[in-house]
Amino acid sequence: MSDDEDTTPMATTQFGSKTPFAEPKWYDSRNKSPYYTDHHRKFRDQIRKFVDDEIIPNVEEWEAKNAIPIEVYKKAADVGLLPAVIGWPKDVVGRDPPP
């Protein structure tokens, strides 16, 4: 092994509760699922980063002003979170809103 190689084991981040059966089975990376894919994990990580970076630091200020700046909605749209924030668009032809 060369001196340039990093032998530090990769840290795995634990999200959610450590209480057994408190989280859905698919949430634990040790449980493989054909339905919960890398796409879902990447989206989850992207949304978590957005919330940690853009929402959490500003939430008290926004609550005090009773308003969320329009730029935040634009950023939410960029990461794919906008439908969860403002709801399903009602004017989309051919797509019924989720129940």
N, C-alpha and C. Protein backbone atom coordinates (compact mmCIF):
# COMPACT_ATOMS: atom_id res chain seq x y z
N MET A 1 0.85 -1.17 0.00
CA MET A 1 0.00 0.00 0.00
C MET A 1 0.89 1.23 0.00
N SER A 2 0.54 2.22 -0.83
CA SER A 2 1.35 3.42 -0.92
C SER A 2 0.92 4.42 0.14
N ASP A 3 1.78 5.41 0.37
CA ASP A 3 1.48 6.46 1.35
C ASP A 3 0.35 7.37 0.89
N ASP A 4 0.07 7.37 -0.43
CA ASP A 4 -0.96 8.24 -0.98
C ASP A 4 -2.38 7.72 -0.74
N GLU A 5 -2.50 6.43 -0.43
CA GLU A 5 -3.83 5.85 -0.28
C GLU A 5 -4.43 6.21 1.08
N ASP A 6 -5.69 6.54 1.05
CA ASP A 6 -6.42 6.84 2.27
C ASP A 6 -7.05 5.55 2.77
N THR A 7 -6.66 5.10 3.93
CA THR A 7 -7.19 3.86 4.47
C THR A 7 -8.29 4.10 5.48
N THR A 8 -8.71 5.35 5.63
CA THR A 8 -9.78 5.67 6.56
C THR A 8 -11.08 5.06 6.04
N PRO A 9 -11.78 4.28 6.87
CA PRO A 9 -13.04 3.71 6.39
C PRO A 9 -14.06 4.81 6.13
N MET A 10 -14.89 4.60 5.12
CA MET A 10 -15.92 5.58 4.80
C MET A 10 -16.95 5.61 5.91
N ALA A 11 -17.29 6.80 6.34
CA ALA A 11 -18.32 6.94 7.37
C ALA A 11 -19.68 6.81 6.72
N THR A 12 -20.56 6.11 7.40
CA THR A 12 -21.94 6.04 6.92
C THR A 12 -22.78 6.87 7.84
N THR A 13 -23.63 7.68 7.26
CA THR A 13 -24.46 8.57 8.04
C THR A 13 -25.76 7.86 8.39
N GLN A 14 -26.12 7.90 9.64
CA GLN A 14 -27.36 7.30 10.11
C GLN A 14 -28.44 8.36 10.18
N PHE A 15 -29.52 8.17 9.44
CA PHE A 15 -30.65 9.08 9.50
C PHE A 15 -31.80 8.35 10.17
N GLY A 16 -32.65 9.10 10.75
CA GLY A 16 -33.83 8.52 11.35
C GLY A 16 -33.57 7.96 12.73
N SER A 17 -34.54 7.24 13.22
CA SER A 17 -34.49 6.69 14.57
C SER A 17 -33.65 5.42 14.62
N LYS A 18 -32.96 5.21 15.72
CA LYS A 18 -32.21 3.98 15.93
C LYS A 18 -33.05 2.93 16.65
N THR A 19 -34.27 3.30 16.98
CA THR A 19 -35.18 2.36 17.63
C THR A 19 -35.62 1.32 16.60
N PRO A 20 -35.51 0.03 16.95
CA PRO A 20 -35.92 -1.00 16.00
C PRO A 20 -37.36 -0.82 15.53
N PHE A 21 -37.57 -0.98 14.24
CA PHE A 21 -38.88 -0.93 13.58
C PHE A 21 -39.54 0.46 13.63
N ALA A 22 -38.80 1.50 13.99
CA ALA A 22 -39.36 2.85 14.02
C ALA A 22 -39.39 3.48 12.63
N GLU A 23 -38.56 3.02 11.74
CA GLU A 23 -38.49 3.57 10.38
C GLU A 23 -38.94 2.50 9.39
N PRO A 24 -39.38 2.92 8.21
CA PRO A 24 -39.76 1.93 7.20
C PRO A 24 -38.56 1.07 6.82
N LYS A 25 -38.82 -0.16 6.43
CA LYS A 25 -37.75 -1.11 6.12
C LYS A 25 -36.83 -0.59 5.01
N TRP A 26 -37.41 0.08 4.00
CA TRP A 26 -36.61 0.54 2.87
C TRP A 26 -35.66 1.67 3.26
N TYR A 27 -35.89 2.31 4.40
CA TYR A 27 -35.07 3.45 4.82
C TYR A 27 -33.67 3.02 5.25
N ASP A 28 -33.54 1.80 5.69
CA ASP A 28 -32.26 1.26 6.14
C ASP A 28 -31.53 0.67 4.93
N SER A 29 -30.33 1.17 4.65
CA SER A 29 -29.59 0.74 3.46
C SER A 29 -29.21 -0.74 3.50
N ARG A 30 -29.30 -1.37 4.65
CA ARG A 30 -28.99 -2.80 4.72
C ARG A 30 -30.10 -3.65 4.11
N ASN A 31 -31.29 -3.07 3.96
CA ASN A 31 -32.43 -3.77 3.38
C ASN A 31 -32.58 -3.35 1.93
N LYS A 32 -32.17 -4.19 1.02
CA LYS A 32 -32.25 -3.88 -0.41
C LYS A 32 -33.70 -3.96 -0.88
N SER A 33 -34.07 -3.03 -1.75
CA SER A 33 -35.42 -3.00 -2.30
C SER A 33 -35.34 -2.75 -3.80
N PRO A 34 -36.12 -3.49 -4.58
CA PRO A 34 -36.13 -3.20 -6.02
C PRO A 34 -36.90 -1.90 -6.34
N TYR A 35 -37.63 -1.38 -5.37
CA TYR A 35 -38.46 -0.21 -5.59
C TYR A 35 -37.79 1.08 -5.10
N TYR A 36 -37.02 1.00 -4.04
CA TYR A 36 -36.32 2.17 -3.50
C TYR A 36 -34.90 2.12 -4.05
N THR A 37 -34.64 2.95 -5.05
CA THR A 37 -33.39 2.85 -5.82
C THR A 37 -32.42 3.97 -5.46
N ASP A 38 -31.30 3.97 -6.16
CA ASP A 38 -30.31 5.05 -5.99
C ASP A 38 -30.92 6.40 -6.35
N HIS A 39 -31.84 6.41 -7.31
CA HIS A 39 -32.53 7.65 -7.68
C HIS A 39 -33.24 8.22 -6.45
N HIS A 40 -33.93 7.39 -5.71
CA HIS A 40 -34.64 7.84 -4.50
C HIS A 40 -33.66 8.35 -3.45
N ARG A 41 -32.56 7.62 -3.27
CA ARG A 41 -31.56 8.04 -2.27
C ARG A 41 -30.93 9.38 -2.66
N LYS A 42 -30.64 9.55 -3.93
CA LYS A 42 -30.07 10.82 -4.39
C LYS A 42 -31.06 11.97 -4.21
N PHE A 43 -32.33 11.71 -4.53
CA PHE A 43 -33.36 12.74 -4.34
C PHE A 43 -33.51 13.08 -2.87
N ARG A 44 -33.53 12.06 -2.01
CA ARG A 44 -33.63 12.28 -0.56
C ARG A 44 -32.45 13.12 -0.08
N ASP A 45 -31.26 12.80 -0.53
CA ASP A 45 -30.07 13.55 -0.11
C ASP A 45 -30.13 14.99 -0.62
N GLN A 46 -30.62 15.18 -1.84
CA GLN A 46 -30.73 16.52 -2.42
C GLN A 46 -31.74 17.36 -1.63
N ILE A 47 -32.87 16.78 -1.28
CA ILE A 47 -33.88 17.49 -0.51
C ILE A 47 -33.37 17.78 0.90
N ARG A 48 -32.71 16.80 1.51
CA ARG A 48 -32.16 17.01 2.85
C ARG A 48 -31.15 18.15 2.85
N LYS A 49 -30.28 18.20 1.83
CA LYS A 49 -29.29 19.28 1.74
C LYS A 49 -29.99 20.63 1.57
N PHE A 50 -31.02 20.68 0.72
CA PHE A 50 -31.77 21.92 0.51
C PHE A 50 -32.38 22.40 1.82
N VAL A 51 -33.02 21.51 2.54
CA VAL A 51 -33.65 21.88 3.81
C VAL A 51 -32.59 22.35 4.81
N ASP A 52 -31.49 21.62 4.91
CA ASP A 52 -30.43 21.98 5.86
C ASP A 52 -29.78 23.32 5.50
N ASP A 53 -29.59 23.57 4.21
CA ASP A 53 -28.88 24.78 3.77
C ASP A 53 -29.79 26.00 3.63
N GLU A 54 -31.00 25.80 3.14
CA GLU A 54 -31.86 26.93 2.77
C GLU A 54 -33.03 27.18 3.74
N ILE A 55 -33.53 26.15 4.35
CA ILE A 55 -34.73 26.30 5.19
C ILE A 55 -34.39 26.50 6.66
N ILE A 56 -33.68 25.55 7.23
CA ILE A 56 -33.41 25.56 8.67
C ILE A 56 -32.79 26.87 9.14
N PRO A 57 -31.77 27.41 8.46
CA PRO A 57 -31.16 28.64 8.96
C PRO A 57 -32.09 29.87 8.92
N ASN A 58 -33.16 29.81 8.14
CA ASN A 58 -34.00 30.98 7.92
C ASN A 58 -35.41 30.87 8.48
N VAL A 59 -35.78 29.73 8.99
CA VAL A 59 -37.18 29.49 9.34
C VAL A 59 -37.69 30.45 10.42
N GLU A 60 -36.88 30.77 11.40
CA GLU A 60 -37.35 31.68 12.46
C GLU A 60 -37.62 33.08 11.90
N GLU A 61 -36.75 33.54 11.03
CA GLU A 61 -36.94 34.86 10.41
C GLU A 61 -38.22 34.87 9.57
N TRP A 62 -38.44 33.82 8.79
CA TRP A 62 -39.63 33.76 7.94
C TRP A 62 -40.90 33.67 8.79
N GLU A 63 -40.84 32.93 9.88
CA GLU A 63 -42.01 32.85 10.75
C GLU A 63 -42.31 34.21 11.38
N ALA A 64 -41.27 34.93 11.76
CA ALA A 64 -41.47 36.26 12.35
C ALA A 64 -42.10 37.21 11.33
N LYS A 65 -41.69 37.10 10.07
CA LYS A 65 -42.23 37.96 9.01
C LYS A 65 -43.54 37.40 8.44
N ASN A 66 -43.85 36.16 8.79
CA ASN A 66 -45.03 35.47 8.27
C ASN A 66 -45.02 35.40 6.74
N ALA A 67 -43.82 35.22 6.19
CA ALA A 67 -43.68 35.14 4.74
C ALA A 67 -42.41 34.39 4.37
N ILE A 68 -42.47 33.68 3.25
CA ILE A 68 -41.30 33.01 2.69
C ILE A 68 -40.94 33.76 1.42
N PRO A 69 -39.67 34.17 1.27
CA PRO A 69 -39.27 34.91 0.07
C PRO A 69 -39.48 34.09 -1.21
N ILE A 70 -39.85 34.76 -2.27
CA ILE A 70 -40.12 34.11 -3.55
C ILE A 70 -38.89 33.35 -4.06
N GLU A 71 -37.70 33.82 -3.74
CA GLU A 71 -36.47 33.15 -4.19
C GLU A 71 -36.40 31.72 -3.66
N VAL A 72 -36.94 31.52 -2.48
CA VAL A 72 -36.91 30.18 -1.88
C VAL A 72 -37.78 29.23 -2.70
N TYR A 73 -38.91 29.71 -3.18
CA TYR A 73 -39.76 28.88 -4.03
C TYR A 73 -39.04 28.53 -5.32
N LYS A 74 -38.29 29.47 -5.87
CA LYS A 74 -37.53 29.20 -7.09
C LYS A 74 -36.46 28.15 -6.84
N LYS A 75 -35.78 28.26 -5.70
CA LYS A 75 -34.76 27.26 -5.36
C LYS A 75 -35.40 25.90 -5.10
N ALA A 76 -36.58 25.91 -4.47
CA ALA A 76 -37.30 24.65 -4.23
C ALA A 76 -37.67 23.99 -5.55
N ALA A 77 -38.06 24.78 -6.52
CA ALA A 77 -38.38 24.23 -7.85
C ALA A 77 -37.13 23.63 -8.49
N ASP A 78 -36.00 24.28 -8.31
CA ASP A 78 -34.75 23.79 -8.90
C ASP A 78 -34.36 22.41 -8.36
N VAL A 79 -34.68 22.13 -7.11
CA VAL A 79 -34.31 20.83 -6.53
C VAL A 79 -35.45 19.81 -6.61
N GLY A 80 -36.60 20.21 -7.15
CA GLY A 80 -37.70 19.28 -7.30
C GLY A 80 -38.65 19.21 -6.11
N LEU A 81 -38.58 20.17 -5.23
CA LEU A 81 -39.40 20.16 -4.02
C LEU A 81 -40.68 20.98 -4.15
N LEU A 82 -40.80 21.78 -5.17
CA LEU A 82 -41.91 22.73 -5.26
C LEU A 82 -43.30 22.09 -5.13
N PRO A 83 -43.60 20.99 -5.81
CA PRO A 83 -44.95 20.42 -5.63
C PRO A 83 -45.25 20.05 -4.17
N ALA A 84 -44.24 19.66 -3.42
CA ALA A 84 -44.46 19.33 -2.01
C ALA A 84 -44.70 20.59 -1.18
N VAL A 85 -44.21 21.74 -1.66
CA VAL A 85 -44.35 22.99 -0.92
C VAL A 85 -45.67 23.68 -1.23
N ILE A 86 -46.04 23.76 -2.49
CA ILE A 86 -47.24 24.52 -2.86
C ILE A 86 -48.39 23.65 -3.34
N GLY A 87 -48.18 22.36 -3.46
CA GLY A 87 -49.24 21.47 -3.90
C GLY A 87 -49.16 21.15 -5.38
N TRP A 88 -49.99 20.22 -5.78
CA TRP A 88 -50.01 19.76 -7.16
C TRP A 88 -50.70 20.80 -8.04
N PRO A 89 -50.15 21.10 -9.21
CA PRO A 89 -50.80 22.08 -10.08
C PRO A 89 -52.15 21.55 -10.58
N LYS A 90 -53.15 22.37 -10.47
CA LYS A 90 -54.51 21.94 -10.84
C LYS A 90 -54.79 22.08 -12.33
N ASP A 91 -53.97 22.83 -13.05
CA ASP A 91 -54.24 23.07 -14.47
C ASP A 91 -53.45 22.18 -15.41
N VAL A 92 -52.88 21.08 -14.92
CA VAL A 92 -52.13 20.18 -15.76
C VAL A 92 -53.12 19.23 -16.44
N VAL A 93 -53.21 19.30 -17.75
CA VAL A 93 -54.15 18.49 -18.51
C VAL A 93 -53.68 17.04 -18.53
N GLY A 94 -54.59 16.12 -18.25
CA GLY A 94 -54.27 14.71 -18.33
C GLY A 94 -53.63 14.11 -17.10
N ARG A 95 -53.39 14.91 -16.09
CA ARG A 95 -52.79 14.38 -14.85
C ARG A 95 -53.67 14.79 -13.67
N ASP A 96 -54.27 13.80 -13.06
CA ASP A 96 -55.08 14.07 -11.88
C ASP A 96 -54.16 14.30 -10.68
N PRO A 97 -54.57 15.19 -9.77
CA PRO A 97 -53.76 15.38 -8.56
C PRO A 97 -53.74 14.11 -7.73
N PRO A 98 -52.67 13.88 -7.00
CA PRO A 98 -52.62 12.68 -6.16
C PRO A 98 -53.71 12.75 -5.09
N PRO A 99 -54.17 11.58 -4.64
CA PRO A 99 -55.24 11.58 -3.62
C PRO A 99 -54.82 12.19 -2.32
